[in-house]
Structure formats: C-alpha cells, structure tokens
Amino acid sequence: MKCSIYFVDEKVREAFEALGDSRKAEDRQLAALLDRAIDRIAENAFCGVQVPKYLIPKEYHRNYGPLNNLWKYNLSRNWRLLYTVASDGDTIAVIIEWMDHTEYDRRFGY
C-alpha cells in the first residue's frame, strides 16, 4: 500500500535535511538509514511495529493532537524512527521523530 510521507512539523523536516548536509560521517550514515526507512514506509506504511496505544507518550498527544496509532521502525540496532499513519482519502505517514535506542527506552519507560 503506497503512501505519501510528511514530517510532523518544519523543525523535524529541517533536522532531517541537516543530517544529509552534515560533514559528520555518523550524521550522513543516519541520513542514509532514514532515507531507506522512508522509502520502505512509502511503499508500505505498516512495515514498522505498531506501538500499543497505552504506550503512546502523552507528550505526543499534547504536541501533535490525539494520535490513533504510533509505529516504530528500527533503523539499526541503535536508532528508532517513530511515525503515525493517517488517511485523507489516501494513506499518509507522518514522521514524528527519530532517536537512539537509549532515548527510546527512556521515552517509553522500558
């Protein structure tokens, strides 16, 4: 199921673009992982792992409106991409943020 990809806000989009423009090898590597993940999500919005509703952080509901779903895509052993899937007649995936595994564990209380 093909879908369109959006970023939750301009700040997230700019952070994504800055990774690709960075001179740091680790930033460019993360940008490549994100590019590959975004391509896969565009092909199938449901390719990630659905986060149980009760685990969706309250700050996501506060900052981005009530979310009906949240998906996690494992970029690598150390990085996670979080997105939500919605529909406006067509399926869309909205990139919320990416974080390292340690931050992910803290955010979700693991």
C-alpha atoms as a PDB file:
ATOM      1  CA  MET A   1       0.000   0.000   0.000  1.00  0.00           C
ATOM      2  CA  LYS A   2       1.779   3.122  -1.237  1.00  0.00           C
ATOM      3  CA  CYS A   3       1.534   6.265   0.853  1.00  0.00           C
ATOM      4  CA  SER A   4       2.711   9.852   0.996  1.00  0.00           C
ATOM      5  CA  ILE A   5       5.315  10.884   3.563  1.00  0.00           C
ATOM      6  CA  TYR A   6       5.094  14.072   5.617  1.00  0.00           C
ATOM      7  CA  PHE A   7       7.009  15.447   8.572  1.00  0.00           C
ATOM      8  CA  VAL A   8       5.073  16.401  11.689  1.00  0.00           C
ATOM      9  CA  ASP A   9       6.482  19.931  11.547  1.00  0.00           C
ATOM     10  CA  GLU A  10       9.061  22.076   9.799  1.00  0.00           C
ATOM     11  CA  LYS A  11      11.612  21.586  12.597  1.00  0.00           C
ATOM     12  CA  VAL A  12      11.691  17.817  12.026  1.00  0.00           C
ATOM     13  CA  ARG A  13      11.992  18.244   8.260  1.00  0.00           C
ATOM     14  CA  GLU A  14      14.882  20.693   8.709  1.00  0.00           C
ATOM     15  CA  ALA A  15      16.647  18.309  11.111  1.00  0.00           C
ATOM     16  CA  PHE A  16      16.313  15.537   8.515  1.00  0.00           C
ATOM     17  CA  GLU A  17      17.768  17.740   5.774  1.00  0.00           C
ATOM     18  CA  ALA A  18      20.591  18.910   8.050  1.00  0.00           C
ATOM     19  CA  LEU A  19      21.700  15.298   8.581  1.00  0.00           C
ATOM     20  CA  GLY A  20      22.163  14.838   4.854  1.00  0.00           C
ATOM     21  CA  ASP A  21      24.100  18.096   4.566  1.00  0.00           C
ATOM     22  CA  SER A  22      26.343  17.384   7.553  1.00  0.00           C
ATOM     23  CA  ARG A  23      30.049  16.752   7.180  1.00  0.00           C
ATOM     24  CA  LYS A  24      29.999  14.220  10.019  1.00  0.00           C
ATOM     25  CA  ALA A  25      30.097  10.639   8.806  1.00  0.00           C
ATOM     26  CA  GLU A  26      27.719   9.440  11.544  1.00  0.00           C
ATOM     27  CA  ASP A  27      25.136  12.068  10.554  1.00  0.00           C
ATOM     28  CA  ARG A  28      25.320  11.058   6.904  1.00  0.00           C
ATOM     29  CA  GLN A  29      25.028   7.402   7.893  1.00  0.00           C
ATOM     30  CA  LEU A  30      21.899   8.177   9.945  1.00  0.00           C
ATOM     31  CA  ALA A  31      20.517  10.181   6.996  1.00  0.00           C
ATOM     32  CA  ALA A  32      21.040   7.150   4.745  1.00  0.00           C
ATOM     33  CA  LEU A  33      19.216   4.912   7.254  1.00  0.00           C
ATOM     34  CA  LEU A  34      16.344   7.416   7.405  1.00  0.00           C
ATOM     35  CA  ASP A  35      16.171   7.655   3.606  1.00  0.00           C
ATOM     36  CA  ARG A  36      15.946   3.882   3.309  1.00  0.00           C
ATOM     37  CA  ALA A  37      13.278   3.715   6.042  1.00  0.00           C
ATOM     38  CA  ILE A  38      11.212   6.487   4.454  1.00  0.00           C
ATOM     39  CA  ASP A  39      11.338   4.662   1.115  1.00  0.00           C
ATOM     40  CA  ARG A  40      10.109   1.453   2.766  1.00  0.00           C
ATOM     41  CA  ILE A  41       7.357   3.290   4.650  1.00  0.00           C
ATOM     42  CA  ALA A  42       6.281   4.981   1.397  1.00  0.00           C
ATOM     43  CA  GLU A  43       5.894   1.516  -0.125  1.00  0.00           C
ATOM     44  CA  ASN A  44       4.073   0.078   2.905  1.00  0.00           C
ATOM     45  CA  ALA A  45       3.008   2.384   5.725  1.00  0.00           C
ATOM     46  CA  PHE A  46       2.526  -0.605   8.003  1.00  0.00           C
ATOM     47  CA  CYS A  47       6.038  -2.053   7.679  1.00  0.00           C
ATOM     48  CA  GLY A  48       7.027  -0.897  11.162  1.00  0.00           C
ATOM     49  CA  VAL A  49       5.971  -2.297  14.512  1.00  0.00           C
ATOM     50  CA  GLN A  50       2.790  -0.835  15.951  1.00  0.00           C
ATOM     51  CA  VAL A  51       3.232   0.636  19.422  1.00  0.00           C
ATOM     52  CA  PRO A  52       0.364  -0.290  21.783  1.00  0.00           C
ATOM     53  CA  LYS A  53      -1.953   2.686  22.299  1.00  0.00           C
ATOM     54  CA  TYR A  54      -1.396   2.775  26.044  1.00  0.00           C
ATOM     55  CA  LEU A  55       2.348   3.268  25.442  1.00  0.00           C
ATOM     56  CA  ILE A  56       1.989   6.314  23.163  1.00  0.00           C
ATOM     57  CA  PRO A  57       3.724   9.112  25.100  1.00  0.00           C
ATOM     58  CA  LYS A  58       1.361  11.769  26.440  1.00  0.00           C
ATOM     59  CA  GLU A  59       3.612  14.473  25.029  1.00  0.00           C
ATOM     60  CA  TYR A  60       2.860  13.168  21.525  1.00  0.00           C
ATOM     61  CA  HIS A  61      -0.864  13.606  22.160  1.00  0.00           C
ATOM     62  CA  ARG A  62      -0.234  17.101  23.574  1.00  0.00           C
ATOM     63  CA  ASN A  63       2.098  18.241  20.810  1.00  0.00           C
ATOM     64  CA  TYR A  64       0.573  16.571  17.758  1.00  0.00           C
ATOM     65  CA  GLY A  65      -3.095  16.168  18.622  1.00  0.00           C
ATOM     66  CA  PRO A  66      -4.596  12.902  19.712  1.00  0.00           C
ATOM     67  CA  LEU A  67      -2.847  10.085  17.873  1.00  0.00           C
ATOM     68  CA  ASN A  68      -4.822   6.993  16.965  1.00  0.00           C
ATOM     69  CA  ASN A  69      -1.687   5.000  16.248  1.00  0.00           C
ATOM     70  CA  LEU A  70       2.079   5.087  16.504  1.00  0.00           C
ATOM     71  CA  TRP A  71       4.569   2.978  14.605  1.00  0.00           C
ATOM     72  CA  LYS A  72       8.223   2.242  15.316  1.00  0.00           C
ATOM     73  CA  TYR A  73      10.705   1.444  12.575  1.00  0.00           C
ATOM     74  CA  ASN A  74      14.069   0.025  13.664  1.00  0.00           C
ATOM     75  CA  LEU A  75      16.670   1.895  11.654  1.00  0.00           C
ATOM     76  CA  SER A  76      19.543  -0.120  13.108  1.00  0.00           C
ATOM     77  CA  ARG A  77      20.407  -1.716  16.410  1.00  0.00           C
ATOM     78  CA  ASN A  78      20.776   1.766  17.878  1.00  0.00           C
ATOM     79  CA  TRP A  79      18.225   4.013  16.142  1.00  0.00           C
ATOM     80  CA  ARG A  80      14.410   4.149  16.047  1.00  0.00           C
ATOM     81  CA  LEU A  81      12.067   6.124  13.785  1.00  0.00           C
ATOM     82  CA  LEU A  82       8.578   6.959  15.071  1.00  0.00           C
ATOM     83  CA  TYR A  83       5.676   7.791  12.809  1.00  0.00           C
ATOM     84  CA  THR A  84       1.907   7.742  12.651  1.00  0.00           C
ATOM     85  CA  VAL A  85      -0.357   6.649   9.821  1.00  0.00           C
ATOM     86  CA  ALA A  86      -3.462   8.614   8.823  1.00  0.00           C
ATOM     87  CA  SER A  87      -5.806   8.893   5.905  1.00  0.00           C
ATOM     88  CA  ASP A  88      -7.174  11.846   3.989  1.00  0.00           C
ATOM     89  CA  GLY A  89      -8.661   9.614   1.336  1.00  0.00           C
ATOM     90  CA  ASP A  90      -5.141   8.373   0.622  1.00  0.00           C
ATOM     91  CA  THR A  91      -2.825   6.823   3.166  1.00  0.00           C
ATOM     92  CA  ILE A  92      -0.218   9.157   4.638  1.00  0.00           C
ATOM     93  CA  ALA A  93       2.635   8.528   7.061  1.00  0.00           C
ATOM     94  CA  VAL A  94       3.761  11.375   9.297  1.00  0.00           C
ATOM     95  CA  ILE A  95       7.319  11.228  10.611  1.00  0.00           C
ATOM     96  CA  ILE A  96       7.343  12.359  14.245  1.00  0.00           C
ATOM     97  CA  GLU A  97      10.956  11.851  15.269  1.00  0.00           C
ATOM     98  CA  TRP A  98      13.929   9.523  15.387  1.00  0.00           C
ATOM     99  CA  MET A  99      16.056   8.766  18.408  1.00  0.00           C
ATOM    100  CA  ASP A 100      18.738   6.456  19.642  1.00  0.00           C
ATOM    101  CA  HIS A 101      17.786   3.293  21.477  1.00  0.00           C
ATOM    102  CA  THR A 102      18.654   4.709  24.904  1.00  0.00           C
ATOM    103  CA  GLU A 103      16.366   7.712  24.404  1.00  0.00           C
ATOM    104  CA  TYR A 104      13.657   5.417  23.043  1.00  0.00           C
ATOM    105  CA  ASP A 105      13.824   3.281  26.195  1.00  0.00           C
ATOM    106  CA  ARG A 106      13.561   6.383  28.388  1.00  0.00           C
ATOM    107  CA  ARG A 107      10.688   7.878  26.412  1.00  0.00           C
ATOM    108  CA  PHE A 108       8.645   4.674  26.553  1.00  0.00           C
ATOM    109  CA  GLY A 109       9.594   3.702  30.103  1.00  0.00           C
ATOM    110  CA  TYR A 110      11.451   0.476  29.363  1.00  0.00           C
END
